[in-house]
Amino acid sequence: MRPRKAASIGELVTEQPQVVYIKGGLLEVSKITSPETFNASIDETILGIPIGKTITRIRVLAVYRYHVQRDPQWKVILKDKTFVVISVSPYTG
């Protein structure tokens, strides 16, 4: 994984939300960022004689994202730096 490239001089950096079209029209409805820790240990032996233990621990920042399929009839508008989704009623008639 490459480190993120810093903005060069003259490059516009904005906090304005950006719309990225994903084929299939997915709408992200939730995002959870959580530290996760994975542990494993192995007892080491030589000819059946215990000589020690190897302990491995990996800590990462995990990001879980939840999406729903976006219906083509839904309207997406930007209002005060917030995207608003206007959907049709699932109960018609």
PDB file of N, CA and C in Angstrom:
ATOM      1  N   MET A   1       0.846  -1.170   0.000  1.00  0.00           N
ATOM      2  CA  MET A   1       0.000   0.000   0.000  1.00  0.00           C
ATOM      3  C   MET A   1       0.895   1.237   0.000  1.00  0.00           C
ATOM      4  N   ARG A   2       0.682   2.110  -0.956  1.00  0.00           N
ATOM      5  CA  ARG A   2       1.491   3.321  -1.067  1.00  0.00           C
ATOM      6  C   ARG A   2       0.986   4.394  -0.111  1.00  0.00           C
ATOM      7  N   PRO A   3       1.902   5.215   0.424  1.00  0.00           N
ATOM      8  CA  PRO A   3       1.446   6.351   1.232  1.00  0.00           C
ATOM      9  C   PRO A   3       0.726   7.367   0.364  1.00  0.00           C
ATOM     10  N   ARG A   4      -0.197   8.090   0.956  1.00  0.00           N
ATOM     11  CA  ARG A   4      -0.940   9.104   0.199  1.00  0.00           C
ATOM     12  C   ARG A   4      -0.021  10.237  -0.203  1.00  0.00           C
ATOM     13  N   LYS A   5      -0.193  10.696  -1.424  1.00  0.00           N
ATOM     14  CA  LYS A   5       0.604  11.786  -1.958  1.00  0.00           C
ATOM     15  C   LYS A   5       0.072  13.119  -1.429  1.00  0.00           C
ATOM     16  N   ALA A   6       0.962  13.964  -0.947  1.00  0.00           N
ATOM     17  CA  ALA A   6       0.564  15.279  -0.439  1.00  0.00           C
ATOM     18  C   ALA A   6       0.141  16.182  -1.591  1.00  0.00           C
ATOM     19  N   ALA A   7      -0.729  17.128  -1.292  1.00  0.00           N
ATOM     20  CA  ALA A   7      -1.192  18.071  -2.318  1.00  0.00           C
ATOM     21  C   ALA A   7      -0.026  18.937  -2.769  1.00  0.00           C
ATOM     22  N   SER A   8       0.100  19.127  -4.080  1.00  0.00           N
ATOM     23  CA  SER A   8       1.172  19.964  -4.607  1.00  0.00           C
ATOM     24  C   SER A   8       0.726  21.420  -4.610  1.00  0.00           C
ATOM     25  N   ILE A   9       1.676  22.304  -4.793  1.00  0.00           N
ATOM     26  CA  ILE A   9       1.380  23.729  -4.811  1.00  0.00           C
ATOM     27  C   ILE A   9       0.425  24.018  -5.965  1.00  0.00           C
ATOM     28  N   GLY A  10      -0.615  24.756  -5.678  1.00  0.00           N
ATOM     29  CA  GLY A  10      -1.591  25.094  -6.698  1.00  0.00           C
ATOM     30  C   GLY A  10      -2.739  24.102  -6.793  1.00  0.00           C
ATOM     31  N   GLU A  11      -2.621  22.951  -6.137  1.00  0.00           N
ATOM     32  CA  GLU A  11      -3.689  21.965  -6.162  1.00  0.00           C
ATOM     33  C   GLU A  11      -4.762  22.370  -5.163  1.00  0.00           C
ATOM     34  N   LEU A  12      -6.007  22.333  -5.586  1.00  0.00           N
ATOM     35  CA  LEU A  12      -7.112  22.748  -4.744  1.00  0.00           C
ATOM     36  C   LEU A  12      -7.505  21.614  -3.805  1.00  0.00           C
ATOM     37  N   VAL A  13      -7.452  21.886  -2.510  1.00  0.00           N
ATOM     38  CA  VAL A  13      -7.893  20.922  -1.506  1.00  0.00           C
ATOM     39  C   VAL A  13      -9.135  21.510  -0.877  1.00  0.00           C
ATOM     40  N   THR A  14     -10.232  20.760  -0.914  1.00  0.00           N
ATOM     41  CA  THR A  14     -11.495  21.275  -0.419  1.00  0.00           C
ATOM     42  C   THR A  14     -12.160  20.254   0.492  1.00  0.00           C
ATOM     43  N   GLU A  15     -12.968  20.736   1.409  1.00  0.00           N
ATOM     44  CA  GLU A  15     -13.732  19.855   2.273  1.00  0.00           C
ATOM     45  C   GLU A  15     -15.143  19.676   1.738  1.00  0.00           C
ATOM     46  N   GLN A  16     -15.384  20.140   0.528  1.00  0.00           N
ATOM     47  CA  GLN A  16     -16.682  19.994  -0.113  1.00  0.00           C
ATOM     48  C   GLN A  16     -16.933  18.509  -0.393  1.00  0.00           C
ATOM     49  N   PRO A  17     -18.119  17.981  -0.064  1.00  0.00           N
ATOM     50  CA  PRO A  17     -18.397  16.573  -0.371  1.00  0.00           C
ATOM     51  C   PRO A  17     -18.296  16.314  -1.867  1.00  0.00           C
ATOM     52  N   GLN A  18     -17.877  15.122  -2.231  1.00  0.00           N
ATOM     53  CA  GLN A  18     -17.742  14.752  -3.629  1.00  0.00           C
ATOM     54  C   GLN A  18     -18.653  13.569  -3.920  1.00  0.00           C
ATOM     55  N   VAL A  19     -19.270  13.593  -5.087  1.00  0.00           N
ATOM     56  CA  VAL A  19     -20.116  12.491  -5.526  1.00  0.00           C
ATOM     57  C   VAL A  19     -19.284  11.597  -6.423  1.00  0.00           C
ATOM     58  N   VAL A  20     -19.222  10.319  -6.098  1.00  0.00           N
ATOM     59  CA  VAL A  20     -18.513   9.351  -6.918  1.00  0.00           C
ATOM     60  C   VAL A  20     -19.533   8.309  -7.352  1.00  0.00           C
ATOM     61  N   TYR A  21     -19.722   8.172  -8.661  1.00  0.00           N
ATOM     62  CA  TYR A  21     -20.686   7.205  -9.171  1.00  0.00           C
ATOM     63  C   TYR A  21     -20.063   5.822  -9.164  1.00  0.00           C
ATOM     64  N   ILE A  22     -20.747   4.887  -8.557  1.00  0.00           N
ATOM     65  CA  ILE A  22     -20.321   3.497  -8.546  1.00  0.00           C
ATOM     66  C   ILE A  22     -21.333   2.721  -9.367  1.00  0.00           C
ATOM     67  N   LYS A  23     -20.863   1.981 -10.348  1.00  0.00           N
ATOM     68  CA  LYS A  23     -21.778   1.211 -11.184  1.00  0.00           C
ATOM     69  C   LYS A  23     -22.611   0.312 -10.273  1.00  0.00           C
ATOM     70  N   GLY A  24     -23.896   0.362 -10.448  1.00  0.00           N
ATOM     71  CA  GLY A  24     -24.785  -0.407  -9.592  1.00  0.00           C
ATOM     72  C   GLY A  24     -25.527   0.499  -8.623  1.00  0.00           C
ATOM     73  N   GLY A  25     -25.074   1.734  -8.459  1.00  0.00           N
ATOM     74  CA  GLY A  25     -25.779   2.709  -7.653  1.00  0.00           C
ATOM     75  C   GLY A  25     -25.891   2.356  -6.185  1.00  0.00           C
ATOM     76  N   LEU A  26     -24.791   2.187  -5.487  1.00  0.00           N
ATOM     77  CA  LEU A  26     -24.828   1.875  -4.065  1.00  0.00           C
ATOM     78  C   LEU A  26     -24.870   3.149  -3.238  1.00  0.00           C
ATOM     79  N   LEU A  27     -25.624   3.110  -2.140  1.00  0.00           N
ATOM     80  CA  LEU A  27     -25.719   4.230  -1.220  1.00  0.00           C
ATOM     81  C   LEU A  27     -25.144   3.791   0.114  1.00  0.00           C
ATOM     82  N   GLU A  28     -24.100   4.474   0.584  1.00  0.00           N
ATOM     83  CA  GLU A  28     -23.494   4.133   1.875  1.00  0.00           C
ATOM     84  C   GLU A  28     -24.387   4.674   2.980  1.00  0.00           C
ATOM     85  N   VAL A  29     -24.870   3.785   3.834  1.00  0.00           N
ATOM     86  CA  VAL A  29     -25.794   4.193   4.886  1.00  0.00           C
ATOM     87  C   VAL A  29     -25.140   4.219   6.263  1.00  0.00           C
ATOM     88  N   SER A  30     -23.983   3.601   6.392  1.00  0.00           N
ATOM     89  CA  SER A  30     -23.313   3.595   7.689  1.00  0.00           C
ATOM     90  C   SER A  30     -21.838   3.301   7.494  1.00  0.00           C
ATOM     91  N   LYS A  31     -21.021   3.891   8.360  1.00  0.00           N
ATOM     92  CA  LYS A  31     -19.573   3.646   8.337  1.00  0.00           C
ATOM     93  C   LYS A  31     -19.101   3.576   9.782  1.00  0.00           C
ATOM     94  N   ILE A  32     -18.423   2.496  10.120  1.00  0.00           N
ATOM     95  CA  ILE A  32     -17.910   2.314  11.477  1.00  0.00           C
ATOM     96  C   ILE A  32     -16.400   2.136  11.383  1.00  0.00           C
ATOM     97  N   THR A  33     -15.671   2.916  12.159  1.00  0.00           N
ATOM     98  CA  THR A  33     -14.229   2.776  12.253  1.00  0.00           C
ATOM     99  C   THR A  33     -13.907   2.248  13.643  1.00  0.00           C
ATOM    100  N   SER A  34     -13.177   1.136  13.693  1.00  0.00           N
ATOM    101  CA  SER A  34     -12.945   0.488  14.971  1.00  0.00           C
ATOM    102  C   SER A  34     -11.554  -0.132  15.006  1.00  0.00           C
ATOM    103  N   PRO A  35     -10.819   0.050  16.112  1.00  0.00           N
ATOM    104  CA  PRO A  35      -9.534  -0.653  16.234  1.00  0.00           C
ATOM    105  C   PRO A  35      -9.796  -2.142  16.466  1.00  0.00           C
ATOM    106  N   GLU A  36      -9.058  -2.989  15.757  1.00  0.00           N
ATOM    107  CA  GLU A  36      -9.207  -4.439  15.902  1.00  0.00           C
ATOM    108  C   GLU A  36      -7.855  -5.030  16.261  1.00  0.00           C
ATOM    109  N   THR A  37      -7.860  -6.047  17.118  1.00  0.00           N
ATOM    110  CA  THR A  37      -6.637  -6.732  17.521  1.00  0.00           C
ATOM    111  C   THR A  37      -6.797  -8.226  17.282  1.00  0.00           C
ATOM    112  N   PHE A  38      -5.809  -8.821  16.619  1.00  0.00           N
ATOM    113  CA  PHE A  38      -5.802 -10.261  16.355  1.00  0.00           C
ATOM    114  C   PHE A  38      -4.594 -10.859  17.068  1.00  0.00           C
ATOM    115  N   ASN A  39      -4.813 -11.929  17.851  1.00  0.00           N
ATOM    116  CA  ASN A  39      -3.753 -12.561  18.626  1.00  0.00           C
ATOM    117  C   ASN A  39      -3.612 -14.023  18.236  1.00  0.00           C
ATOM    118  N   ALA A  40      -2.382 -14.527  18.302  1.00  0.00           N
ATOM    119  CA  ALA A  40      -2.112 -15.952  18.108  1.00  0.00           C
ATOM    120  C   ALA A  40      -0.878 -16.300  18.934  1.00  0.00           C
ATOM    121  N   SER A  41      -0.831 -17.521  19.428  1.00  0.00           N
ATOM    122  CA  SER A  41       0.358 -17.960  20.167  1.00  0.00           C
ATOM    123  C   SER A  41       0.645 -19.420  19.844  1.00  0.00           C
ATOM    124  N   ILE A  42       1.917 -19.753  19.837  1.00  0.00           N
ATOM    125  CA  ILE A  42       2.368 -21.117  19.548  1.00  0.00           C
ATOM    126  C   ILE A  42       3.391 -21.510  20.604  1.00  0.00           C
ATOM    127  N   ASP A  43       3.179 -22.660  21.240  1.00  0.00           N
ATOM    128  CA  ASP A  43       4.167 -23.198  22.180  1.00  0.00           C
ATOM    129  C   ASP A  43       5.246 -23.916  21.369  1.00  0.00           C
ATOM    130  N   GLU A  44       6.484 -23.470  21.501  1.00  0.00           N
ATOM    131  CA  GLU A  44       7.602 -24.040  20.745  1.00  0.00           C
ATOM    132  C   GLU A  44       8.251 -25.160  21.549  1.00  0.00           C
ATOM    133  N   THR A  45       8.596 -26.267  20.856  1.00  0.00           N
ATOM    134  CA  THR A  45       9.267 -27.395  21.514  1.00  0.00           C
ATOM    135  C   THR A  45      10.368 -27.927  20.601  1.00  0.00           C
ATOM    136  N   ILE A  46      11.354 -28.543  21.219  1.00  0.00           N
ATOM    137  CA  ILE A  46      12.382 -29.280  20.491  1.00  0.00           C
ATOM    138  C   ILE A  46      12.421 -30.671  21.112  1.00  0.00           C
ATOM    139  N   LEU A  47      12.146 -31.682  20.305  1.00  0.00           N
ATOM    140  CA  LEU A  47      12.087 -33.070  20.760  1.00  0.00           C
ATOM    141  C   LEU A  47      11.150 -33.223  21.954  1.00  0.00           C
ATOM    142  N   GLY A  48      10.042 -32.476  21.915  1.00  0.00           N
ATOM    143  CA  GLY A  48       9.039 -32.580  22.970  1.00  0.00           C
ATOM    144  C   GLY A  48       9.342 -31.762  24.209  1.00  0.00           C
ATOM    145  N   ILE A  49      10.471 -31.060  24.221  1.00  0.00           N
ATOM    146  CA  ILE A  49      10.845 -30.246  25.384  1.00  0.00           C
ATOM    147  C   ILE A  49      10.426 -28.804  25.110  1.00  0.00           C
ATOM    148  N   PRO A  50       9.604 -28.215  25.997  1.00  0.00           N
ATOM    149  CA  PRO A  50       9.180 -26.831  25.768  1.00  0.00           C
ATOM    150  C   PRO A  50      10.363 -25.867  25.855  1.00  0.00           C
ATOM    151  N   ILE A  51      10.473 -24.988  24.861  1.00  0.00           N
ATOM    152  CA  ILE A  51      11.579 -24.019  24.872  1.00  0.00           C
ATOM    153  C   ILE A  51      11.077 -22.575  24.858  1.00  0.00           C
ATOM    154  N   GLY A  52       9.788 -22.381  24.756  1.00  0.00           N
ATOM    155  CA  GLY A  52       9.271 -21.023  24.764  1.00  0.00           C
ATOM    156  C   GLY A  52       7.949 -20.926  24.027  1.00  0.00           C
ATOM    157  N   LYS A  53       7.503 -19.712  23.910  1.00  0.00           N
ATOM    158  CA  LYS A  53       6.224 -19.441  23.262  1.00  0.00           C
ATOM    159  C   LYS A  53       6.394 -18.261  22.321  1.00  0.00           C
ATOM    160  N   THR A  54       5.828 -18.382  21.121  1.00  0.00           N
ATOM    161  CA  THR A  54       5.796 -17.278  20.172  1.00  0.00           C
ATOM    162  C   THR A  54       4.413 -16.647  20.235  1.00  0.00           C
ATOM    163  N   ILE A  55       4.382 -15.343  20.488  1.00  0.00           N
ATOM    164  CA  ILE A  55       3.108 -14.625  20.564  1.00  0.00           C
ATOM    165  C   ILE A  55       3.099 -13.570  19.458  1.00  0.00           C
ATOM    166  N   THR A  56       2.039 -13.586  18.659  1.00  0.00           N
ATOM    167  CA  THR A  56       1.879 -12.623  17.572  1.00  0.00           C
ATOM    168  C   THR A  56       0.641 -11.789  17.838  1.00  0.00           C
ATOM    169  N   ARG A  57       0.779 -10.476  17.671  1.00  0.00           N
ATOM    170  CA  ARG A  57      -0.363  -9.575  17.841  1.00  0.00           C
ATOM    171  C   ARG A  57      -0.338  -8.562  16.698  1.00  0.00           C
ATOM    172  N   ILE A  58      -1.483  -8.441  16.036  1.00  0.00           N
ATOM    173  CA  ILE A  58      -1.636  -7.473  14.955  1.00  0.00           C
ATOM    174  C   ILE A  58      -2.760  -6.524  15.341  1.00  0.00           C
ATOM    175  N   ARG A  59      -2.473  -5.227  15.304  1.00  0.00           N
ATOM    176  CA  ARG A  59      -3.501  -4.216  15.590  1.00  0.00           C
ATOM    177  C   ARG A  59      -3.688  -3.356  14.349  1.00  0.00           C
ATOM    178  N   VAL A  60      -4.937  -3.219  13.927  1.00  0.00           N
ATOM    179  CA  VAL A  60      -5.257  -2.426  12.738  1.00  0.00           C
ATOM    180  C   VAL A  60      -6.491  -1.575  13.018  1.00  0.00           C
ATOM    181  N   LEU A  61      -6.639  -0.522  12.239  1.00  0.00           N
ATOM    182  CA  LEU A  61      -7.846   0.288  12.289  1.00  0.00           C
ATOM    183  C   LEU A  61      -8.749  -0.204  11.164  1.00  0.00           C
ATOM    184  N   ALA A  62      -9.827  -0.889  11.521  1.00  0.00           N
ATOM    185  CA  ALA A  62     -10.739  -1.467  10.529  1.00  0.00           C
ATOM    186  C   ALA A  62     -11.860  -0.492  10.221  1.00  0.00           C
ATOM    187  N   VAL A  63     -12.296  -0.481   8.954  1.00  0.00           N
ATOM    188  CA  VAL A  63     -13.417   0.359   8.530  1.00  0.00           C
ATOM    189  C   VAL A  63     -14.479  -0.564   7.940  1.00  0.00           C
ATOM    190  N   TYR A  64     -15.663  -0.529   8.536  1.00  0.00           N
ATOM    191  CA  TYR A  64     -16.793  -1.317   8.054  1.00  0.00           C
ATOM    192  C   TYR A  64     -17.782  -0.356   7.403  1.00  0.00           C
ATOM    193  N   ARG A  65     -18.178  -0.656   6.173  1.00  0.00           N
ATOM    194  CA  ARG A  65     -19.116   0.194   5.443  1.00  0.00           C
ATOM    195  C   ARG A  65     -20.324  -0.646   5.047  1.00  0.00           C
ATOM    196  N   TYR A  66     -21.500  -0.065   5.216  1.00  0.00           N
ATOM    197  CA  TYR A  66     -22.742  -0.753   4.881  1.00  0.00           C
ATOM    198  C   TYR A  66     -23.450   0.022   3.770  1.00  0.00           C
ATOM    199  N   HIS A  67     -23.907  -0.710   2.737  1.00  0.00           N
ATOM    200  CA  HIS A  67     -24.506  -0.095   1.557  1.00  0.00           C
ATOM    201  C   HIS A  67     -25.866  -0.703   1.256  1.00  0.00           C
ATOM    202  N   VAL A  68     -26.709   0.075   0.599  1.00  0.00           N
ATOM    203  CA  VAL A  68     -27.965  -0.422   0.053  1.00  0.00           C
ATOM    204  C   VAL A  68     -27.984  -0.098  -1.433  1.00  0.00           C
ATOM    205  N   GLN A  69     -28.703  -0.921  -2.189  1.00  0.00           N
ATOM    206  CA  GLN A  69     -28.840  -0.691  -3.621  1.00  0.00           C
ATOM    207  C   GLN A  69     -29.696   0.550  -3.840  1.00  0.00           C
ATOM    208  N   ARG A  70     -29.203   1.504  -4.607  1.00  0.00           N
ATOM    209  CA  ARG A  70     -29.937   2.741  -4.858  1.00  0.00           C
ATOM    210  C   ARG A  70     -30.879   2.548  -6.032  1.00  0.00           C
ATOM    211  N   ASP A  71     -32.130   2.914  -5.829  1.00  0.00           N
ATOM    212  CA  ASP A  71     -33.130   2.838  -6.886  1.00  0.00           C
ATOM    213  C   ASP A  71     -32.940   4.021  -7.832  1.00  0.00           C
ATOM    214  N   PRO A  72     -33.043   3.823  -9.140  1.00  0.00           N
ATOM    215  CA  PRO A  72     -32.863   4.930 -10.094  1.00  0.00           C
ATOM    216  C   PRO A  72     -33.858   6.079  -9.888  1.00  0.00           C
ATOM    217  N   GLN A  73     -34.999   5.825  -9.232  1.00  0.00           N
ATOM    218  CA  GLN A  73     -35.998   6.875  -9.013  1.00  0.00           C
ATOM    219  C   GLN A  73     -35.628   7.798  -7.853  1.00  0.00           C
ATOM    220  N   TRP A  74     -34.672   7.409  -7.022  1.00  0.00           N
ATOM    221  CA  TRP A  74     -34.284   8.239  -5.891  1.00  0.00           C
ATOM    222  C   TRP A  74     -33.567   9.492  -6.387  1.00  0.00           C
ATOM    223  N   LYS A  75     -33.822  10.606  -5.732  1.00  0.00           N
ATOM    224  CA  LYS A  75     -33.126  11.847  -6.046  1.00  0.00           C
ATOM    225  C   LYS A  75     -32.070  12.086  -4.958  1.00  0.00           C
ATOM    226  N   VAL A  76     -30.894  12.530  -5.371  1.00  0.00           N
ATOM    227  CA  VAL A  76     -29.817  12.851  -4.435  1.00  0.00           C
ATOM    228  C   VAL A  76     -29.481  14.321  -4.632  1.00  0.00           C
ATOM    229  N   ILE A  77     -29.611  15.111  -3.556  1.00  0.00           N
ATOM    230  CA  ILE A  77     -29.302  16.535  -3.635  1.00  0.00           C
ATOM    231  C   ILE A  77     -28.308  16.898  -2.541  1.00  0.00           C
ATOM    232  N   LEU A  78     -27.526  17.949  -2.780  1.00  0.00           N
ATOM    233  CA  LEU A  78     -26.561  18.456  -1.809  1.00  0.00           C
ATOM    234  C   LEU A  78     -27.157  19.677  -1.134  1.00  0.00           C
ATOM    235  N   LYS A  79     -27.266  19.624   0.200  1.00  0.00           N
ATOM    236  CA  LYS A  79     -27.831  20.734   0.952  1.00  0.00           C
ATOM    237  C   LYS A  79     -26.939  21.006   2.166  1.00  0.00           C
ATOM    238  N   ASP A  80     -26.302  22.169   2.184  1.00  0.00           N
ATOM    239  CA  ASP A  80     -25.424  22.570   3.293  1.00  0.00           C
ATOM    240  C   ASP A  80     -24.373  21.512   3.619  1.00  0.00           C
ATOM    241  N   LYS A  81     -23.618  21.059   2.621  1.00  0.00           N
ATOM    242  CA  LYS A  81     -22.550  20.073   2.765  1.00  0.00           C
ATOM    243  C   LYS A  81     -23.050  18.699   3.209  1.00  0.00           C
ATOM    244  N   THR A  82     -24.343  18.446   3.046  1.00  0.00           N
ATOM    245  CA  THR A  82     -24.917  17.148   3.395  1.00  0.00           C
ATOM    246  C   THR A  82     -25.720  16.637   2.211  1.00  0.00           C
ATOM    247  N   PHE A  83     -25.508  15.392   1.855  1.00  0.00           N
ATOM    248  CA  PHE A  83     -26.296  14.802   0.786  1.00  0.00           C
ATOM    249  C   PHE A  83     -27.615  14.299   1.360  1.00  0.00           C
ATOM    250  N   VAL A  84     -28.705  14.616   0.683  1.00  0.00           N
ATOM    251  CA  VAL A  84     -30.040  14.195   1.091  1.00  0.00           C
ATOM    252  C   VAL A  84     -30.581  13.284  -0.004  1.00  0.00           C
ATOM    253  N   VAL A  85     -31.084  12.116   0.418  1.00  0.00           N
ATOM    254  CA  VAL A  85     -31.655  11.157  -0.525  1.00  0.00           C
ATOM    255  C   VAL A  85     -33.176  11.204  -0.365  1.00  0.00           C
ATOM    256  N   ILE A  86     -33.849  11.466  -1.477  1.00  0.00           N
ATOM    257  CA  ILE A  86     -35.312  11.473  -1.488  1.00  0.00           C
ATOM    258  C   ILE A  86     -35.758  10.231  -2.242  1.00  0.00           C
ATOM    259  N   SER A  87     -36.392   9.323  -1.513  1.00  0.00           N
ATOM    260  CA  SER A  87     -36.794   8.065  -2.135  1.00  0.00           C
ATOM    261  C   SER A  87     -38.299   8.018  -2.306  1.00  0.00           C
ATOM    262  N   VAL A  88     -38.729   7.146  -3.203  1.00  0.00           N
ATOM    263  CA  VAL A  88     -40.158   6.932  -3.386  1.00  0.00           C
ATOM    264  C   VAL A  88     -40.635   5.962  -2.311  1.00  0.00           C
ATOM    265  N   SER A  89     -41.902   6.007  -2.004  1.00  0.00           N
ATOM    266  CA  SER A  89     -42.456   5.129  -0.991  1.00  0.00           C
ATOM    267  C   SER A  89     -42.404   3.671  -1.453  1.00  0.00           C
ATOM    268  N   PRO A  90     -41.968   2.764  -0.582  1.00  0.00           N
ATOM    269  CA  PRO A  90     -41.962   1.346  -0.967  1.00  0.00           C
ATOM    270  C   PRO A  90     -43.378   0.768  -1.032  1.00  0.00           C
ATOM    271  N   TYR A  91     -44.353   1.515  -0.468  1.00  0.00           N
ATOM    272  CA  TYR A  91     -45.748   1.061  -0.435  1.00  0.00           C
ATOM    273  C   TYR A  91     -46.524   1.873  -1.456  1.00  0.00           C
ATOM    274  N   THR A  92     -46.713   1.339  -2.616  1.00  0.00           N
ATOM    275  CA  THR A  92     -47.470   2.061  -3.647  1.00  0.00           C
ATOM    276  C   THR A  92     -48.857   1.436  -3.789  1.00  0.00           C
ATOM    277  N   GLY A  93     -49.874   2.273  -3.589  1.00  0.00           N
ATOM    278  CA  GLY A  93     -51.231   1.825  -3.774  1.00  0.00           C
ATOM    279  C   GLY A  93     -51.724   1.198  -2.554  1.00  0.00           C
TER     280      GLY A  93
END
